[in-house]
Amino acid sequence: MTYIPNTQADRQAMLADIGVGSVEDLFNDIPEARRRPVLRLPPALSEMELLAEMRSLSQANADLESYSCFLGAGAYRHFIPSVVGQIISRGEFYTSYTPYQAEVSQGTLQTMFEFQSLVCELTGMDVANASHYDGAAALAEAALMAVRITGRARVAVSAGVHPEYRATLETYAWGQGLSVETAPALPPQDLSGYACLIVQQPDFFGRLEEVERLADTVHQAGALLVASADPISLGLIKPPGAYGADIVVGEGQPLGIPVSFGGPYLGLFACRQEYVRQMPGRIVGETVDGHGRRGYTLTLQAREQHIRRERATSNICTNQALAALAATVYLAAIGKEGLCRVASLCYHKAHYAASRICALPGFSMAFDPPFFKEFTLRSATPPSELNRRLLEKRIIGGLDISHLVEGGWLLCLTEMNTRAEIDRLVEALAEMAK
């Protein structure tokens, strides 16, 4: 049986319907010389030879096991307990059944419910969904949710929000004719007519913003406060629910998910109970069956596009279930005290590194403290040059953000960076400063 079981008569009928005589005619817009390029492939390899070749290629990577890394900016290297990989590799989770058929997917639904419960504890919010694709998608969905709630078509976003998150937001907004405007300072002077103000805490530059009374200003203008949070930071600083956020989003990658060349990641999303019917994505609820036994099921499904089509709260109904399970196992394994310890290590190591580097000639802080695990330096030497020379010493430097801040170099420290690594970075920078 062929993969596409159309008969020749079926094909001819379809071609006639669209007005072409053959399949080849469908490719007339492609120059003849480009239609069947010659693939200059090397000779076939045996399995043993192929494994050796792939191993050789992988060793060319600047991997995080062989290099010291001080790069963050949205993707972070944190310690992952072995239990995370062990649990998510089990067949019943790795190939989990769709949760839409609740009677055969109780385990999948329960893990989603536990994930939602942990996100609520972490953020200080009332209700969470079962995740989005990543932090940027979650932030964009939060803006669309605020527009639906307020009936306003303007969105204000802090200049401290990750540039790639803002680009994603603008892409979502463009399709719906919404206006996205950057707020250069917090709080903005006038939020009347805006659906929401979006902030990031800590922000892209690593700064801890003054957010304590921000919600009052936002709410007085009839807008909502959307906060994007680093989940690791919530082991040390006040959760967004405690300073009045209405919707909380974030990138869940630091919670037991490796950097993995940029994905798959995990979008966190939580809100206040009063807005739950406008929340996009899956929500799992706990209930009882006809015999009074505890059970789990998807709830509020009428929000989703397979039922409400263009009136749905989101055109994305799926979620990152395996990544959400990894985050669930991670949080359960390290617990509240463990998360506080991880956050504390990040904070103190970042401040130690900042103080050591700023003692060197040619380096200074771009912004005044406080900061959490990332900080922005001003460097007299171009950051691209610093990174090039550090890589020669098997050190992955910070992110070059000199297009945003003059001489800007964004460095990140986590619990994975040892004091010896930090001192080696400082020594390398001291040599360059001579």
Protein backbone atom coordinates (compact mmCIF):
# COMPACT_ATOMS: atom_id res chain seq x y z
CA MET A 1 0.00 0.00 0.00
CA THR A 2 1.41 3.40 -0.96
CA TYR A 3 1.64 6.21 1.56
CA ILE A 4 -0.89 8.30 -0.40
CA PRO A 5 -3.48 5.80 -1.68
CA ASN A 6 -4.88 7.99 -4.47
CA THR A 7 -5.61 6.18 -7.72
CA GLN A 8 -4.47 7.57 -11.04
CA ALA A 9 -8.08 8.59 -11.69
CA ASP A 10 -8.15 10.42 -8.36
CA ARG A 11 -5.01 12.32 -9.29
CA GLN A 12 -6.29 13.27 -12.72
CA ALA A 13 -9.55 14.53 -11.22
CA MET A 14 -7.70 16.71 -8.71
CA LEU A 15 -5.34 18.10 -11.35
CA ALA A 16 -8.25 18.90 -13.64
CA ASP A 17 -10.05 20.64 -10.80
CA ILE A 18 -7.15 23.05 -10.23
CA GLY A 19 -6.52 23.52 -13.93
CA VAL A 20 -3.19 21.77 -14.62
CA GLY A 21 -2.40 18.80 -16.79
CA SER A 22 0.22 16.98 -14.69
CA VAL A 23 1.99 16.97 -11.34
CA GLU A 24 5.07 18.44 -13.06
CA ASP A 25 3.01 21.50 -14.02
CA LEU A 26 2.67 22.32 -10.32
CA PHE A 27 6.40 23.14 -10.26
CA ASN A 28 6.49 25.47 -13.27
CA ASP A 29 7.40 28.44 -11.06
CA ILE A 30 10.64 26.69 -10.09
CA PRO A 31 13.41 26.95 -12.73
CA GLU A 32 14.10 23.62 -14.41
CA ALA A 33 17.74 23.67 -13.30
CA ARG A 34 16.68 23.93 -9.66
CA ARG A 35 14.07 21.19 -9.57
CA ARG A 36 16.29 18.15 -9.17
CA PRO A 37 19.60 19.28 -7.67
CA VAL A 38 22.39 16.74 -7.50
CA LEU A 39 23.06 15.72 -3.93
CA ARG A 40 26.79 15.29 -3.43
CA LEU A 41 26.58 12.89 -0.54
CA PRO A 42 29.55 10.93 0.82
CA PRO A 43 29.60 7.14 0.44
CA ALA A 44 27.34 5.14 2.75
CA LEU A 45 28.74 4.26 6.18
CA SER A 46 28.28 1.26 8.40
CA GLU A 47 26.56 1.81 11.75
CA MET A 48 29.90 1.66 13.56
CA GLU A 49 31.47 4.19 11.17
CA LEU A 50 28.44 6.46 11.41
CA LEU A 51 28.57 6.50 15.22
CA ALA A 52 32.27 7.40 15.09
CA GLU A 53 31.52 10.20 12.62
CA MET A 54 28.70 11.63 14.74
CA ARG A 55 30.88 11.41 17.85
CA SER A 56 33.61 13.35 16.08
CA LEU A 57 31.14 16.05 15.00
CA SER A 58 29.69 16.36 18.51
CA GLN A 59 33.15 16.92 19.96
CA ALA A 60 33.42 20.07 17.85
CA ASN A 61 30.63 21.64 19.94
CA ALA A 62 31.42 24.05 22.77
CA ASP A 63 29.28 21.95 25.10
CA LEU A 64 28.44 22.88 28.67
CA GLU A 65 30.17 19.82 30.10
CA SER A 66 33.56 20.78 28.62
CA TYR A 67 33.35 24.58 28.78
CA SER A 68 32.70 27.03 31.59
CA CYS A 69 29.55 28.98 30.70
CA PHE A 70 28.48 32.50 31.69
CA LEU A 71 25.78 32.89 29.04
CA GLY A 72 22.11 33.22 29.98
CA ALA A 73 19.64 35.71 28.47
CA GLY A 74 16.66 33.36 28.59
CA ALA A 75 18.27 29.90 28.50
CA TYR A 76 20.02 28.81 31.67
CA ARG A 77 22.24 25.99 32.82
CA HIS A 78 20.95 24.69 36.15
CA PHE A 79 21.57 21.41 37.91
CA ILE A 80 19.05 18.72 36.97
CA PRO A 81 18.60 15.90 39.52
CA SER A 82 18.94 12.45 37.96
CA VAL A 83 15.42 11.57 39.03
CA VAL A 84 14.02 14.00 36.44
CA GLY A 85 15.41 12.08 33.47
CA GLN A 86 14.57 8.76 35.07
CA ILE A 87 10.88 9.63 35.52
CA ILE A 88 10.22 11.35 32.19
CA SER A 89 11.90 8.48 30.30
CA ARG A 90 9.35 5.96 31.52
CA GLY A 91 7.17 4.70 28.69
CA GLU A 92 3.87 5.69 30.30
CA PHE A 93 5.02 9.31 30.39
CA TYR A 94 7.27 9.50 27.34
CA THR A 95 4.50 8.27 25.04
CA SER A 96 1.57 9.55 27.09
CA TYR A 97 -1.92 9.30 25.66
CA THR A 98 -3.93 12.36 24.71
CA PRO A 99 -5.67 13.81 27.78
CA TYR A 100 -8.89 14.38 25.85
CA GLN A 101 -9.91 10.78 26.54
CA ALA A 102 -9.92 11.12 30.31
CA GLU A 103 -10.85 7.52 31.16
CA VAL A 104 -7.57 6.20 29.71
CA SER A 105 -5.23 9.05 30.63
CA GLN A 106 -5.64 9.58 34.37
CA GLY A 107 -1.88 9.47 34.94
CA THR A 108 -1.21 12.13 32.31
CA LEU A 109 -3.99 14.33 33.66
CA GLN A 110 -2.77 13.97 37.24
CA THR A 111 0.77 15.05 36.33
CA MET A 112 -0.68 18.12 34.59
CA PHE A 113 -2.82 18.89 37.64
CA GLU A 114 0.22 18.60 39.92
CA PHE A 115 2.18 20.87 37.56
CA GLN A 116 -0.58 23.50 37.68
CA SER A 117 -0.67 23.31 41.48
CA LEU A 118 3.09 23.83 41.73
CA VAL A 119 2.98 26.81 39.35
CA CYS A 120 0.29 28.40 41.51
CA GLU A 121 2.43 27.92 44.64
CA LEU A 122 5.46 29.29 42.84
CA THR A 123 3.79 32.42 41.44
CA GLY A 124 1.30 33.16 44.21
CA MET A 125 -1.59 33.03 41.75
CA ASP A 126 -5.01 31.32 41.91
CA VAL A 127 -5.01 29.15 38.80
CA ALA A 128 -2.52 27.94 36.20
CA ASN A 129 -2.84 26.14 32.89
CA ALA A 130 -0.96 23.05 31.74
CA SER A 131 1.70 25.12 29.92
CA HIS A 132 2.55 26.78 26.62
CA TYR A 133 5.34 26.21 24.13
CA ASP A 134 7.78 28.64 25.76
CA GLY A 135 8.02 31.83 27.78
CA ALA A 136 7.73 34.12 24.74
CA ALA A 137 4.52 32.45 23.53
CA ALA A 138 3.06 32.59 27.05
CA LEU A 139 3.78 36.33 27.26
CA ALA A 140 2.12 37.00 23.91
CA GLU A 141 -0.93 34.95 24.93
CA ALA A 142 -1.13 36.95 28.17
CA ALA A 143 -1.33 40.18 26.18
CA LEU A 144 -4.13 38.79 24.00
CA MET A 145 -5.95 37.66 27.15
CA ALA A 146 -5.69 41.16 28.64
CA VAL A 147 -7.11 42.62 25.42
CA ARG A 148 -10.11 40.28 25.63
CA ILE A 149 -10.73 41.13 29.29
CA THR A 150 -10.46 44.91 28.98
CA GLY A 151 -11.76 45.39 25.44
CA ARG A 152 -8.78 47.65 24.71
CA ALA A 153 -6.45 47.25 21.74
CA ARG A 154 -3.24 48.85 23.06
CA VAL A 155 -0.53 46.99 24.96
CA ALA A 156 2.31 48.62 26.90
CA VAL A 157 5.48 46.59 27.42
CA SER A 158 8.48 47.56 29.52
CA ALA A 159 11.76 48.19 27.72
CA GLY A 160 13.25 45.71 30.19
CA VAL A 161 11.34 42.76 28.69
CA HIS A 162 13.46 40.33 26.66
CA PRO A 163 13.78 41.69 23.07
CA GLU A 164 12.86 38.31 21.58
CA TYR A 165 9.75 38.14 23.77
CA ARG A 166 8.76 41.59 22.55
CA ALA A 167 9.30 40.50 18.94
CA THR A 168 7.04 37.49 19.51
CA LEU A 169 4.43 39.74 21.09
CA GLU A 170 4.51 42.08 18.10
CA THR A 171 4.04 39.13 15.74
CA TYR A 172 0.95 37.96 17.64
CA ALA A 173 -0.40 41.51 17.88
CA TRP A 174 0.10 42.31 14.20
CA GLY A 175 -2.32 39.59 13.11
CA GLN A 176 -5.07 41.02 15.33
CA GLY A 177 -4.47 44.67 14.58
CA LEU A 178 -3.25 45.48 18.10
CA SER A 179 -0.84 48.26 19.01
CA VAL A 180 2.27 47.38 21.07
CA GLU A 181 4.11 50.32 22.60
CA THR A 182 7.31 50.30 24.63
CA ALA A 183 7.35 51.92 28.07
CA PRO A 184 10.91 53.26 28.53
CA ALA A 185 10.48 53.75 32.28
CA LEU A 186 8.37 52.26 35.08
CA PRO A 187 5.73 53.21 35.91
CA PRO A 188 4.60 54.75 32.62
CA GLN A 189 3.15 58.25 32.86
CA ASP A 190 -0.26 57.37 31.42
CA LEU A 191 -1.83 53.93 30.94
CA SER A 192 -5.36 55.06 30.12
CA GLY A 193 -6.60 53.18 27.09
CA TYR A 194 -4.12 50.33 27.51
CA ALA A 195 -5.16 46.72 28.07
CA CYS A 196 -2.10 45.88 30.15
CA LEU A 197 1.43 46.71 31.16
CA ILE A 198 3.93 43.86 30.72
CA VAL A 199 7.02 43.77 32.93
CA GLN A 200 9.81 41.25 33.47
CA GLN A 201 11.22 40.51 36.90
CA PRO A 202 14.22 40.25 36.90
CA ASP A 203 14.35 42.08 33.58
CA PHE A 204 16.40 41.19 30.50
CA PHE A 205 19.39 43.15 31.80
CA GLY A 206 19.30 41.27 35.11
CA ARG A 207 17.86 44.15 37.14
CA LEU A 208 15.30 43.69 39.87
CA GLU A 209 12.70 46.34 39.11
CA GLU A 210 10.74 48.37 41.67
CA VAL A 211 7.36 46.65 41.30
CA GLU A 212 5.84 47.02 44.76
CA ARG A 213 3.35 49.81 43.93
CA LEU A 214 3.24 49.25 40.18
CA ALA A 215 -0.02 47.28 40.28
CA ASP A 216 -1.86 50.20 41.93
CA THR A 217 -0.87 52.54 39.08
CA VAL A 218 -1.85 49.98 36.45
CA HIS A 219 -5.20 49.14 38.04
CA GLN A 220 -6.15 52.79 38.51
CA ALA A 221 -5.90 53.13 34.73
CA GLY A 222 -8.23 50.14 34.26
CA ALA A 223 -5.41 47.97 32.87
CA LEU A 224 -3.96 44.63 33.94
CA LEU A 225 -0.44 43.93 35.17
CA VAL A 226 1.31 41.06 33.37
CA ALA A 227 4.55 39.85 34.97
CA SER A 228 7.13 37.61 33.31
CA ALA A 229 9.16 35.90 36.03
CA ASP A 230 12.27 33.73 36.24
CA PRO A 231 10.94 30.74 38.23
CA ILE A 232 14.28 30.19 39.98
CA SER A 233 14.21 33.76 41.31
CA LEU A 234 10.91 32.98 43.06
CA GLY A 235 12.86 30.90 45.56
CA LEU A 236 14.30 34.16 46.87
CA ILE A 237 12.19 37.16 45.84
CA LYS A 238 8.52 38.01 46.27
CA PRO A 239 6.20 36.17 43.84
CA PRO A 240 4.18 38.26 41.35
CA GLY A 241 0.91 37.40 43.08
CA ALA A 242 2.17 39.21 46.18
CA TYR A 243 2.73 42.50 44.35
CA GLY A 244 -0.58 42.53 42.52
CA ALA A 245 0.07 40.90 39.16
CA ASP A 246 -3.07 39.79 37.32
CA ILE A 247 -1.37 37.39 34.89
CA VAL A 248 2.00 35.71 35.44
CA VAL A 249 4.05 34.05 32.73
CA GLY A 250 7.57 32.75 32.50
CA GLU A 251 10.05 30.42 30.87
CA GLY A 252 10.03 27.08 32.69
CA GLN A 253 13.30 25.83 31.15
CA PRO A 254 15.33 26.41 34.35
CA LEU A 255 13.10 23.86 36.12
CA GLY A 256 14.78 20.61 35.16
CA ILE A 257 15.02 21.14 31.41
CA PRO A 258 18.44 21.28 29.69
CA VAL A 259 19.51 24.12 27.41
CA SER A 260 19.26 21.72 24.41
CA PHE A 261 20.19 24.19 21.66
CA GLY A 262 17.11 26.27 22.45
CA GLY A 263 14.26 23.81 22.94
CA PRO A 264 11.85 22.29 23.52
CA TYR A 265 11.09 24.62 26.40
CA LEU A 266 8.10 25.32 28.62
CA GLY A 267 5.79 28.32 28.93
CA LEU A 268 4.38 29.00 32.40
CA PHE A 269 0.99 30.74 32.64
CA ALA A 270 -1.10 31.63 35.71
CA CYS A 271 -3.76 34.22 36.54
CA ARG A 272 -6.32 35.32 39.10
CA GLN A 273 -9.46 33.20 39.50
CA GLU A 274 -11.73 35.92 38.11
CA TYR A 275 -10.03 35.71 34.71
CA VAL A 276 -9.89 31.92 34.36
CA ARG A 277 -12.49 31.73 31.57
CA GLN A 278 -10.26 33.89 29.39
CA MET A 279 -7.13 31.82 30.06
CA PRO A 280 -5.74 30.09 26.95
CA GLY A 281 -4.44 26.53 26.85
CA ARG A 282 -5.36 23.39 28.71
CA ILE A 283 -6.63 23.36 32.29
CA VAL A 284 -6.92 20.12 34.22
CA GLY A 285 -9.40 19.90 37.10
CA GLU A 286 -9.82 17.45 39.97
CA THR A 287 -13.23 15.82 40.43
CA VAL A 288 -14.84 12.56 41.57
CA ASP A 289 -16.37 9.80 39.48
CA GLY A 290 -19.75 8.10 39.93
CA HIS A 291 -18.31 5.98 42.75
CA GLY A 292 -16.88 8.97 44.63
CA ARG A 293 -13.28 8.24 43.64
CA ARG A 294 -10.88 11.07 42.88
CA GLY A 295 -10.28 11.66 39.19
CA TYR A 296 -8.97 14.24 36.74
CA THR A 297 -10.34 15.76 33.55
CA LEU A 298 -9.82 18.67 31.21
CA THR A 299 -12.10 21.54 32.14
CA LEU A 300 -13.42 24.74 30.53
CA GLN A 301 -12.84 23.17 27.13
CA ALA A 302 -15.31 25.49 25.43
CA ARG A 303 -12.49 28.05 25.37
CA GLU A 304 -10.51 26.09 22.81
CA GLN A 305 -10.42 26.38 19.06
CA HIS A 306 -11.65 22.88 18.26
CA ILE A 307 -15.01 23.98 19.69
CA ARG A 308 -15.19 27.79 19.39
CA ARG A 309 -13.02 28.17 16.27
CA GLU A 310 -12.19 31.85 15.68
CA ARG A 311 -13.81 32.86 18.98
CA ALA A 312 -11.46 30.63 20.99
CA THR A 313 -9.17 32.11 23.63
CA SER A 314 -6.17 30.70 21.77
CA ASN A 315 -5.34 29.04 18.49
CA ILE A 316 -2.85 26.82 20.30
CA CYS A 317 -4.53 24.11 22.36
CA THR A 318 -1.60 21.76 22.83
CA ASN A 319 1.07 22.07 25.51
CA GLN A 320 4.56 20.90 26.43
CA ALA A 321 3.40 17.96 28.56
CA LEU A 322 6.75 16.16 28.82
CA ALA A 323 8.61 19.38 29.65
CA ALA A 324 5.90 20.23 32.20
CA LEU A 325 6.38 16.80 33.76
CA ALA A 326 10.13 17.47 33.99
CA ALA A 327 9.41 20.75 35.82
CA THR A 328 6.99 18.95 38.14
CA VAL A 329 9.54 16.29 39.04
CA TYR A 330 12.26 18.92 39.49
CA LEU A 331 10.19 21.05 41.87
CA ALA A 332 9.00 18.02 43.82
CA ALA A 333 12.56 16.73 44.12
CA ILE A 334 14.25 19.91 45.35
CA GLY A 335 11.30 21.26 47.38
CA LYS A 336 10.87 24.75 48.80
CA GLU A 337 14.15 24.79 50.71
CA GLY A 338 16.03 23.43 47.71
CA LEU A 339 14.64 26.11 45.42
CA CYS A 340 15.57 28.78 47.96
CA ARG A 341 19.09 27.33 48.12
CA VAL A 342 19.48 27.31 44.34
CA ALA A 343 18.25 30.91 44.10
CA SER A 344 20.57 31.99 46.90
CA LEU A 345 23.59 30.39 45.22
CA CYS A 346 22.77 32.13 41.94
CA TYR A 347 22.44 35.48 43.70
CA HIS A 348 25.66 35.29 45.70
CA LYS A 349 27.77 33.87 42.86
CA ALA A 350 26.56 36.59 40.50
CA HIS A 351 27.42 39.32 43.00
CA TYR A 352 30.83 37.78 43.71
CA ALA A 353 31.61 37.67 39.98
CA ALA A 354 30.37 41.23 39.43
CA SER A 355 32.51 42.62 42.25
CA ARG A 356 35.63 40.79 41.01
CA ILE A 357 35.21 41.85 37.38
CA CYS A 358 34.38 45.47 38.20
CA ALA A 359 37.67 45.69 40.11
CA LEU A 360 39.46 45.21 36.78
CA PRO A 361 40.32 48.20 34.57
CA GLY A 362 37.93 48.68 31.66
CA PHE A 363 34.84 47.18 33.33
CA SER A 364 31.96 48.80 35.18
CA MET A 365 28.33 48.06 35.98
CA ALA A 366 25.94 49.37 33.35
CA PHE A 367 23.12 49.67 35.90
CA ASP A 368 22.94 50.12 39.63
CA PRO A 369 22.03 47.08 41.74
CA PRO A 370 19.95 45.21 42.76
CA PHE A 371 20.21 42.27 40.38
CA PHE A 372 19.62 38.53 40.70
CA LYS A 373 21.74 36.07 38.69
CA GLU A 374 22.48 38.20 35.62
CA PHE A 375 24.11 41.59 35.34
CA THR A 376 25.13 43.94 32.55
CA LEU A 377 28.67 45.26 32.35
CA ARG A 378 30.12 48.07 30.28
CA SER A 379 33.35 46.90 28.69
CA ALA A 380 36.05 49.06 27.13
CA THR A 381 36.94 46.06 24.96
CA PRO A 382 34.19 45.08 22.51
CA PRO A 383 32.19 42.18 24.01
CA SER A 384 32.51 40.24 20.75
CA GLU A 385 36.29 40.36 21.15
CA LEU A 386 36.04 39.28 24.79
CA ASN A 387 33.89 36.31 23.83
CA ARG A 388 36.23 35.30 21.02
CA ARG A 389 39.29 35.29 23.24
CA LEU A 390 37.49 33.59 26.13
CA LEU A 391 36.34 30.80 23.85
CA GLU A 392 40.00 30.05 23.12
CA LYS A 393 40.32 29.36 26.85
CA ARG A 394 37.23 27.08 26.82
CA ILE A 395 35.06 29.72 28.46
CA ILE A 396 31.69 30.72 27.00
CA GLY A 397 31.32 34.40 27.80
CA GLY A 398 28.25 36.57 28.20
CA LEU A 399 25.83 37.91 25.61
CA ASP A 400 27.01 40.82 23.50
CA ILE A 401 24.30 43.47 23.89
CA SER A 402 26.38 46.42 22.74
CA HIS A 403 23.58 47.22 20.26
CA LEU A 404 21.36 47.92 23.29
CA VAL A 405 23.88 49.29 25.82
CA GLU A 406 27.19 50.89 24.88
CA GLY A 407 29.84 48.23 25.51
CA GLY A 408 27.09 46.06 26.99
CA TRP A 409 28.00 42.53 28.07
CA LEU A 410 25.32 40.45 29.83
CA LEU A 411 26.73 37.75 32.11
CA CYS A 412 24.88 35.00 33.96
CA LEU A 413 25.85 32.96 37.01
CA THR A 414 24.00 29.92 38.32
CA GLU A 415 24.64 27.34 41.01
CA MET A 416 26.57 25.37 38.35
CA ASN A 417 29.38 27.95 38.19
CA THR A 418 32.08 27.04 40.70
CA ARG A 419 34.24 29.61 42.43
CA ALA A 420 37.22 28.21 40.52
CA GLU A 421 35.40 28.87 37.22
CA ILE A 422 34.59 32.43 38.26
CA ASP A 423 38.17 33.09 39.32
CA ARG A 424 39.43 31.67 36.02
CA LEU A 425 37.10 34.02 34.14
CA VAL A 426 38.42 36.98 36.15
CA GLU A 427 42.02 35.93 35.50
CA ALA A 428 41.34 35.66 31.77
CA LEU A 429 39.73 39.12 31.68
CA ALA A 430 42.63 40.55 33.71
CA GLU A 431 45.08 39.27 31.09
CA MET A 432 43.08 40.96 28.33
CA ALA A 433 43.05 44.24 30.25
CA LYS A 434 46.86 44.42 30.36
